[in-house]
């Protein structure tokens, strides 16, 4: 049974290589997604960063992320390709939310009980009582 494509997001850290090597690696991922009738939506800019701790012999890496649609049964194949690719230091694939934030509705606000507007004559009577006139 084939399932509907889901929206996924992959965040990754790549070994620092030539720019051509990085774009070639990302192009392979895009190509695989398109082969499996998926669709790449958006990609973040690649940014070179120093790692908080060394991973293997790597002290720096290139961070990036990509959102894409893919059928769930094709995801395991993508993961196995990423594991075999030595250019990936770390990666994480998550199910992304389609429109960003989930709305939880507005909190209910209790209204103050309505009070009758006082008549001008009633106010004058009360003032006379208070002032003792």
N, C-alpha and C. Protein backbone atom coordinates (compact mmCIF):
# COMPACT_ATOMS: atom_id res chain seq x y z
N UNK A 1 0.84 -1.18 0.00
CA UNK A 1 0.00 0.00 0.00
C UNK A 1 0.89 1.25 0.00
N UNK A 2 0.68 2.11 -0.96
CA UNK A 2 1.47 3.33 -1.04
C UNK A 2 0.83 4.42 -0.20
N UNK A 3 1.67 5.13 0.50
CA UNK A 3 1.19 6.21 1.35
C UNK A 3 1.42 7.55 0.66
N UNK A 4 0.73 8.55 1.16
CA UNK A 4 0.89 9.91 0.65
C UNK A 4 2.27 10.44 1.06
N UNK A 5 2.88 11.28 0.23
CA UNK A 5 4.16 11.89 0.62
C UNK A 5 3.98 12.79 1.84
N UNK A 6 4.99 12.78 2.70
CA UNK A 6 4.99 13.63 3.90
C UNK A 6 6.07 14.68 3.74
N UNK A 7 5.92 15.74 4.50
CA UNK A 7 6.91 16.82 4.50
C UNK A 7 7.97 16.49 5.54
N UNK A 8 9.21 16.39 5.10
CA UNK A 8 10.34 16.10 5.97
C UNK A 8 11.32 17.26 5.93
N UNK A 9 12.15 17.32 6.97
CA UNK A 9 13.24 18.29 6.98
C UNK A 9 14.50 17.55 7.40
N UNK A 10 15.56 17.74 6.64
CA UNK A 10 16.84 17.15 7.00
C UNK A 10 17.78 18.29 7.38
N UNK A 11 18.41 18.15 8.54
CA UNK A 11 19.45 19.07 8.98
C UNK A 11 20.74 18.27 8.99
N UNK A 12 21.80 18.86 8.51
CA UNK A 12 23.03 18.08 8.35
C UNK A 12 24.26 18.93 8.61
N UNK A 13 25.35 18.22 8.91
CA UNK A 13 26.68 18.80 9.03
C UNK A 13 27.56 18.02 8.07
N UNK A 14 28.17 18.73 7.13
CA UNK A 14 29.03 18.10 6.14
C UNK A 14 30.49 18.39 6.44
N UNK A 15 31.37 17.49 6.02
CA UNK A 15 32.80 17.75 6.12
C UNK A 15 33.13 18.89 5.18
N UNK A 16 34.08 19.71 5.60
CA UNK A 16 34.48 20.83 4.75
C UNK A 16 35.26 20.27 3.58
N UNK A 17 34.77 20.58 2.41
CA UNK A 17 35.35 20.09 1.17
C UNK A 17 35.30 21.27 0.20
N UNK A 18 35.64 21.06 -1.01
CA UNK A 18 35.50 22.14 -1.99
C UNK A 18 34.01 22.43 -2.18
N UNK A 19 33.69 23.64 -2.61
CA UNK A 19 32.29 24.01 -2.82
C UNK A 19 31.63 23.10 -3.85
N UNK A 20 32.39 22.66 -4.84
CA UNK A 20 31.84 21.76 -5.85
C UNK A 20 31.47 20.42 -5.23
N UNK A 21 32.29 19.94 -4.29
CA UNK A 21 32.00 18.68 -3.62
C UNK A 21 30.73 18.75 -2.79
N UNK A 22 30.54 19.89 -2.11
CA UNK A 22 29.34 20.08 -1.28
C UNK A 22 28.09 20.15 -2.14
N UNK A 23 28.15 20.95 -3.20
CA UNK A 23 26.97 21.07 -4.05
C UNK A 23 26.68 19.77 -4.77
N UNK A 24 27.73 19.01 -5.09
CA UNK A 24 27.52 17.70 -5.73
C UNK A 24 26.82 16.74 -4.80
N UNK A 25 27.20 16.75 -3.53
CA UNK A 25 26.56 15.88 -2.54
C UNK A 25 25.09 16.24 -2.38
N UNK A 26 24.80 17.52 -2.27
CA UNK A 26 23.41 17.97 -2.11
C UNK A 26 22.61 17.71 -3.37
N UNK A 27 23.26 17.81 -4.52
CA UNK A 27 22.58 17.53 -5.79
C UNK A 27 22.18 16.06 -5.86
N UNK A 28 23.01 15.17 -5.31
CA UNK A 28 22.67 13.73 -5.29
C UNK A 28 21.43 13.49 -4.45
N UNK A 29 21.32 14.18 -3.33
CA UNK A 29 20.13 14.03 -2.47
C UNK A 29 18.89 14.52 -3.23
N UNK A 30 18.99 15.70 -3.84
CA UNK A 30 17.85 16.23 -4.61
C UNK A 30 17.45 15.29 -5.73
N UNK A 31 18.44 14.72 -6.40
CA UNK A 31 18.18 13.81 -7.52
C UNK A 31 17.44 12.56 -7.03
N UNK A 32 17.87 12.01 -5.88
CA UNK A 32 17.20 10.82 -5.33
C UNK A 32 15.75 11.15 -4.98
N UNK A 33 15.52 12.30 -4.36
CA UNK A 33 14.16 12.70 -3.97
C UNK A 33 13.28 12.81 -5.21
N UNK A 34 13.80 13.40 -6.26
CA UNK A 34 13.01 13.55 -7.49
C UNK A 34 12.78 12.22 -8.19
N UNK A 35 13.75 11.29 -8.10
CA UNK A 35 13.57 9.95 -8.69
C UNK A 35 12.41 9.22 -8.04
N UNK A 36 12.22 9.44 -6.76
CA UNK A 36 11.17 8.75 -6.00
C UNK A 36 9.88 9.56 -5.98
N UNK A 37 9.69 10.41 -6.95
CA UNK A 37 8.49 11.25 -7.09
C UNK A 37 8.31 12.20 -5.91
N UNK A 38 9.40 12.58 -5.29
CA UNK A 38 9.35 13.56 -4.21
C UNK A 38 9.60 14.94 -4.78
N UNK A 39 9.65 15.92 -3.88
CA UNK A 39 9.84 17.29 -4.33
C UNK A 39 10.61 18.05 -3.27
N UNK A 40 11.68 18.71 -3.67
CA UNK A 40 12.47 19.53 -2.77
C UNK A 40 11.84 20.91 -2.70
N UNK A 41 11.56 21.40 -1.48
CA UNK A 41 10.87 22.68 -1.34
C UNK A 41 11.82 23.84 -1.12
N UNK A 42 12.61 23.76 -0.07
CA UNK A 42 13.49 24.88 0.24
C UNK A 42 14.76 24.38 0.89
N UNK A 43 15.81 25.16 0.74
CA UNK A 43 17.10 24.83 1.33
C UNK A 43 17.64 26.07 2.02
N UNK A 44 18.33 25.83 3.13
CA UNK A 44 18.96 26.95 3.81
C UNK A 44 20.33 27.19 3.19
N UNK A 45 20.87 28.36 3.44
CA UNK A 45 22.23 28.64 2.97
C UNK A 45 23.21 27.81 3.78
N UNK A 46 24.23 27.33 3.12
CA UNK A 46 25.26 26.57 3.82
C UNK A 46 26.11 27.55 4.62
N UNK A 47 26.43 27.17 5.86
CA UNK A 47 27.26 28.04 6.69
C UNK A 47 28.35 27.21 7.36
N UNK A 48 29.55 27.70 7.27
CA UNK A 48 30.71 27.02 7.87
C UNK A 48 30.77 27.41 9.34
N UNK A 49 30.90 26.41 10.20
CA UNK A 49 30.93 26.67 11.65
C UNK A 49 31.94 25.75 12.34
N UNK A 50 32.43 26.24 13.44
CA UNK A 50 33.30 25.43 14.29
C UNK A 50 32.39 24.55 15.14
N UNK A 51 32.72 23.27 15.24
CA UNK A 51 31.91 22.33 16.02
C UNK A 51 32.16 22.52 17.51
N UNK A 52 31.18 22.25 18.32
CA UNK A 52 31.31 22.40 19.78
C UNK A 52 32.31 21.39 20.34
N UNK A 53 32.40 20.24 19.70
CA UNK A 53 33.35 19.21 20.09
C UNK A 53 33.77 18.49 18.82
N UNK A 54 34.97 17.92 18.81
CA UNK A 54 35.41 17.24 17.59
C UNK A 54 34.60 15.97 17.34
N UNK A 55 34.24 15.76 16.09
CA UNK A 55 33.54 14.54 15.68
C UNK A 55 34.51 13.82 14.76
N UNK A 56 35.04 12.71 15.25
CA UNK A 56 36.11 12.05 14.50
C UNK A 56 37.31 12.97 14.51
N UNK A 57 37.80 13.32 13.35
CA UNK A 57 38.91 14.26 13.25
C UNK A 57 38.45 15.61 12.72
N UNK A 58 37.18 15.87 12.79
CA UNK A 58 36.61 17.10 12.25
C UNK A 58 36.34 18.11 13.36
N UNK A 59 36.90 19.31 13.18
CA UNK A 59 36.70 20.39 14.14
C UNK A 59 35.77 21.47 13.58
N UNK A 60 35.57 21.44 12.27
CA UNK A 60 34.68 22.39 11.61
C UNK A 60 33.78 21.63 10.66
N UNK A 61 32.63 22.23 10.36
CA UNK A 61 31.70 21.60 9.44
C UNK A 61 30.84 22.63 8.74
N UNK A 62 30.13 22.18 7.74
CA UNK A 62 29.22 23.04 7.00
C UNK A 62 27.80 22.63 7.37
N UNK A 63 27.04 23.56 7.95
CA UNK A 63 25.67 23.29 8.38
C UNK A 63 24.69 23.68 7.28
N UNK A 64 23.60 22.92 7.19
CA UNK A 64 22.56 23.25 6.23
C UNK A 64 21.30 22.46 6.54
N UNK A 65 20.23 22.79 5.85
CA UNK A 65 18.98 22.04 6.01
C UNK A 65 18.19 22.13 4.71
N UNK A 66 17.25 21.18 4.57
CA UNK A 66 16.43 21.11 3.37
C UNK A 66 15.07 20.55 3.74
N UNK A 67 14.01 21.13 3.18
CA UNK A 67 12.65 20.59 3.36
C UNK A 67 12.24 19.93 2.05
N UNK A 68 11.60 18.78 2.18
CA UNK A 68 11.21 18.04 0.97
C UNK A 68 10.02 17.14 1.26
N UNK A 69 9.28 16.80 0.20
CA UNK A 69 8.20 15.83 0.27
C UNK A 69 8.75 14.49 -0.21
N UNK A 70 8.41 13.41 0.51
CA UNK A 70 8.83 12.07 0.12
C UNK A 70 7.87 11.07 0.74
N UNK A 71 7.67 9.95 0.05
CA UNK A 71 6.82 8.90 0.60
C UNK A 71 7.57 8.22 1.74
N UNK A 72 6.87 7.86 2.82
CA UNK A 72 7.52 7.25 3.98
C UNK A 72 8.30 5.98 3.65
N UNK A 73 7.83 5.18 2.69
CA UNK A 73 8.54 3.93 2.38
C UNK A 73 9.88 4.19 1.69
N UNK A 74 10.07 5.38 1.11
CA UNK A 74 11.34 5.71 0.45
C UNK A 74 12.34 6.36 1.40
N UNK A 75 11.91 6.69 2.60
CA UNK A 75 12.77 7.38 3.55
C UNK A 75 13.93 6.50 4.02
N UNK A 76 13.68 5.21 4.24
CA UNK A 76 14.74 4.33 4.72
C UNK A 76 15.87 4.21 3.69
N UNK A 77 15.52 4.21 2.41
CA UNK A 77 16.54 4.17 1.35
C UNK A 77 17.39 5.44 1.38
N UNK A 78 16.75 6.58 1.59
CA UNK A 78 17.49 7.84 1.68
C UNK A 78 18.44 7.81 2.87
N UNK A 79 17.96 7.31 4.01
CA UNK A 79 18.81 7.24 5.20
C UNK A 79 20.01 6.33 4.97
N UNK A 80 19.81 5.20 4.31
CA UNK A 80 20.93 4.30 4.07
C UNK A 80 21.95 4.96 3.13
N UNK A 81 21.50 5.75 2.17
CA UNK A 81 22.43 6.48 1.30
C UNK A 81 23.23 7.51 2.10
N UNK A 82 22.55 8.19 3.03
CA UNK A 82 23.25 9.18 3.84
C UNK A 82 24.29 8.53 4.75
N UNK A 83 23.98 7.36 5.29
CA UNK A 83 24.93 6.65 6.16
C UNK A 83 26.17 6.22 5.38
N UNK A 84 25.99 5.84 4.12
CA UNK A 84 27.13 5.39 3.31
C UNK A 84 27.99 6.56 2.84
N UNK A 85 27.41 7.73 2.74
CA UNK A 85 28.15 8.90 2.25
C UNK A 85 29.08 9.41 3.35
N UNK A 86 30.37 9.39 3.09
CA UNK A 86 31.37 9.78 4.09
C UNK A 86 31.45 11.29 4.30
N UNK A 87 30.78 12.07 3.47
CA UNK A 87 30.85 13.53 3.60
C UNK A 87 29.94 14.05 4.71
N UNK A 88 28.97 13.24 5.14
CA UNK A 88 28.07 13.66 6.21
C UNK A 88 28.68 13.32 7.57
N UNK A 89 28.90 14.34 8.38
CA UNK A 89 29.38 14.11 9.75
C UNK A 89 28.20 13.69 10.62
N UNK A 90 27.14 14.45 10.55
CA UNK A 90 25.89 14.17 11.27
C UNK A 90 24.72 14.60 10.40
N UNK A 91 23.57 13.96 10.62
CA UNK A 91 22.33 14.39 9.97
C UNK A 91 21.16 13.97 10.83
N UNK A 92 20.05 14.66 10.64
CA UNK A 92 18.83 14.33 11.36
C UNK A 92 17.65 14.61 10.44
N UNK A 93 16.78 13.62 10.27
CA UNK A 93 15.59 13.79 9.45
C UNK A 93 14.38 13.81 10.38
N UNK A 94 13.56 14.84 10.25
CA UNK A 94 12.36 14.97 11.08
C UNK A 94 11.15 15.22 10.18
N UNK A 95 9.98 14.92 10.72
CA UNK A 95 8.74 15.25 10.01
C UNK A 95 8.47 16.73 10.30
N UNK A 96 8.37 17.52 9.25
CA UNK A 96 8.18 18.96 9.40
C UNK A 96 6.70 19.30 9.43
N UNK A 97 6.39 20.39 10.06
CA UNK A 97 5.01 20.88 10.06
C UNK A 97 4.82 21.69 8.79
N UNK A 98 3.68 21.52 8.19
CA UNK A 98 3.43 22.12 6.88
C UNK A 98 3.42 23.65 6.91
N UNK A 99 2.88 24.25 7.93
CA UNK A 99 2.75 25.70 7.94
C UNK A 99 3.42 26.34 9.12
N UNK A 100 4.43 25.73 9.67
CA UNK A 100 5.16 26.37 10.76
C UNK A 100 4.59 26.05 12.11
N UNK A 101 3.93 27.00 12.73
CA UNK A 101 3.48 26.85 14.10
C UNK A 101 2.06 26.32 14.17
N UNK A 102 1.83 25.55 15.21
CA UNK A 102 0.50 25.01 15.44
C UNK A 102 -0.28 26.00 16.29
N UNK A 103 -1.48 26.33 15.87
CA UNK A 103 -2.28 27.28 16.64
C UNK A 103 -3.15 26.51 17.63
N UNK A 104 -3.26 27.04 18.82
CA UNK A 104 -4.03 26.36 19.87
C UNK A 104 -5.32 27.10 20.19
N UNK A 105 -5.69 28.06 19.42
CA UNK A 105 -6.92 28.80 19.69
C UNK A 105 -6.68 29.93 20.68
N UNK A 106 -7.67 30.72 20.87
CA UNK A 106 -7.55 31.86 21.76
C UNK A 106 -8.06 31.48 23.15
N UNK A 107 -7.42 31.99 24.20
CA UNK A 107 -7.92 31.70 25.54
C UNK A 107 -9.27 32.39 25.74
N UNK A 108 -10.11 31.74 26.50
CA UNK A 108 -11.44 32.30 26.75
C UNK A 108 -11.32 33.43 27.77
N UNK A 109 -11.97 34.51 27.46
CA UNK A 109 -11.93 35.68 28.33
C UNK A 109 -13.30 35.82 28.98
N UNK A 110 -13.29 35.92 30.31
CA UNK A 110 -14.54 36.11 31.03
C UNK A 110 -14.91 37.58 30.96
N UNK A 111 -16.15 37.82 30.62
CA UNK A 111 -16.62 39.19 30.53
C UNK A 111 -17.14 39.65 31.89
N UNK A 112 -16.90 40.89 32.17
CA UNK A 112 -17.41 41.47 33.41
C UNK A 112 -18.92 41.62 33.29
N UNK A 113 -19.65 41.41 34.40
CA UNK A 113 -21.10 41.56 34.33
C UNK A 113 -21.45 43.01 33.97
N UNK A 114 -22.48 43.14 33.15
CA UNK A 114 -22.88 44.47 32.71
C UNK A 114 -23.56 45.22 33.85
N UNK A 115 -23.18 46.45 34.01
CA UNK A 115 -23.82 47.29 35.03
C UNK A 115 -24.66 48.34 34.32
N UNK A 116 -25.79 48.65 34.94
CA UNK A 116 -26.68 49.66 34.37
C UNK A 116 -26.05 51.03 34.53
N UNK A 117 -26.21 51.82 33.53
CA UNK A 117 -25.74 53.20 33.63
C UNK A 117 -26.67 53.95 34.60
N UNK A 118 -26.07 54.65 35.53
CA UNK A 118 -26.87 55.37 36.52
C UNK A 118 -27.47 56.63 35.90
N UNK A 119 -28.69 56.91 36.33
CA UNK A 119 -29.39 58.11 35.87
C UNK A 119 -28.74 59.33 36.51
N UNK A 120 -28.81 60.46 35.86
CA UNK A 120 -28.26 61.70 36.40
C UNK A 120 -29.02 62.09 37.67
N UNK A 121 -30.33 61.86 37.69
CA UNK A 121 -31.14 62.21 38.86
C UNK A 121 -30.75 61.36 40.07
N UNK A 122 -30.47 60.07 39.84
CA UNK A 122 -30.07 59.19 40.95
C UNK A 122 -28.74 59.64 41.53
N UNK A 123 -27.84 60.06 40.67
CA UNK A 123 -26.53 60.52 41.14
C UNK A 123 -26.70 61.79 41.97
N UNK A 124 -27.54 62.69 41.53
CA UNK A 124 -27.79 63.93 42.27
C UNK A 124 -28.37 63.63 43.65
N UNK A 125 -29.30 62.64 43.75
CA UNK A 125 -29.89 62.26 45.04
C UNK A 125 -28.82 61.74 45.98
N UNK A 126 -27.96 60.88 45.48
CA UNK A 126 -26.91 60.30 46.32
C UNK A 126 -25.93 61.37 46.79
N UNK A 127 -25.61 62.30 45.92
CA UNK A 127 -24.70 63.38 46.31
C UNK A 127 -25.32 64.24 47.41
N UNK A 128 -26.62 64.52 47.30
CA UNK A 128 -27.30 65.32 48.32
C UNK A 128 -27.31 64.59 49.65
N UNK A 129 -27.52 63.25 49.62
CA UNK A 129 -27.52 62.47 50.86
C UNK A 129 -26.14 62.50 51.50
N UNK A 130 -25.12 62.36 50.69
CA UNK A 130 -23.75 62.32 51.22
C UNK A 130 -23.36 63.69 51.78
N UNK A 131 -23.68 64.74 51.07
CA UNK A 131 -23.29 66.08 51.49
C UNK A 131 -24.22 66.63 52.57
N UNK A 132 -25.35 65.99 52.74
CA UNK A 132 -26.28 66.38 53.79
C UNK A 132 -27.00 67.69 53.51
N UNK A 133 -27.33 67.95 52.34
CA UNK A 133 -28.03 69.19 52.01
C UNK A 133 -29.50 69.01 52.07
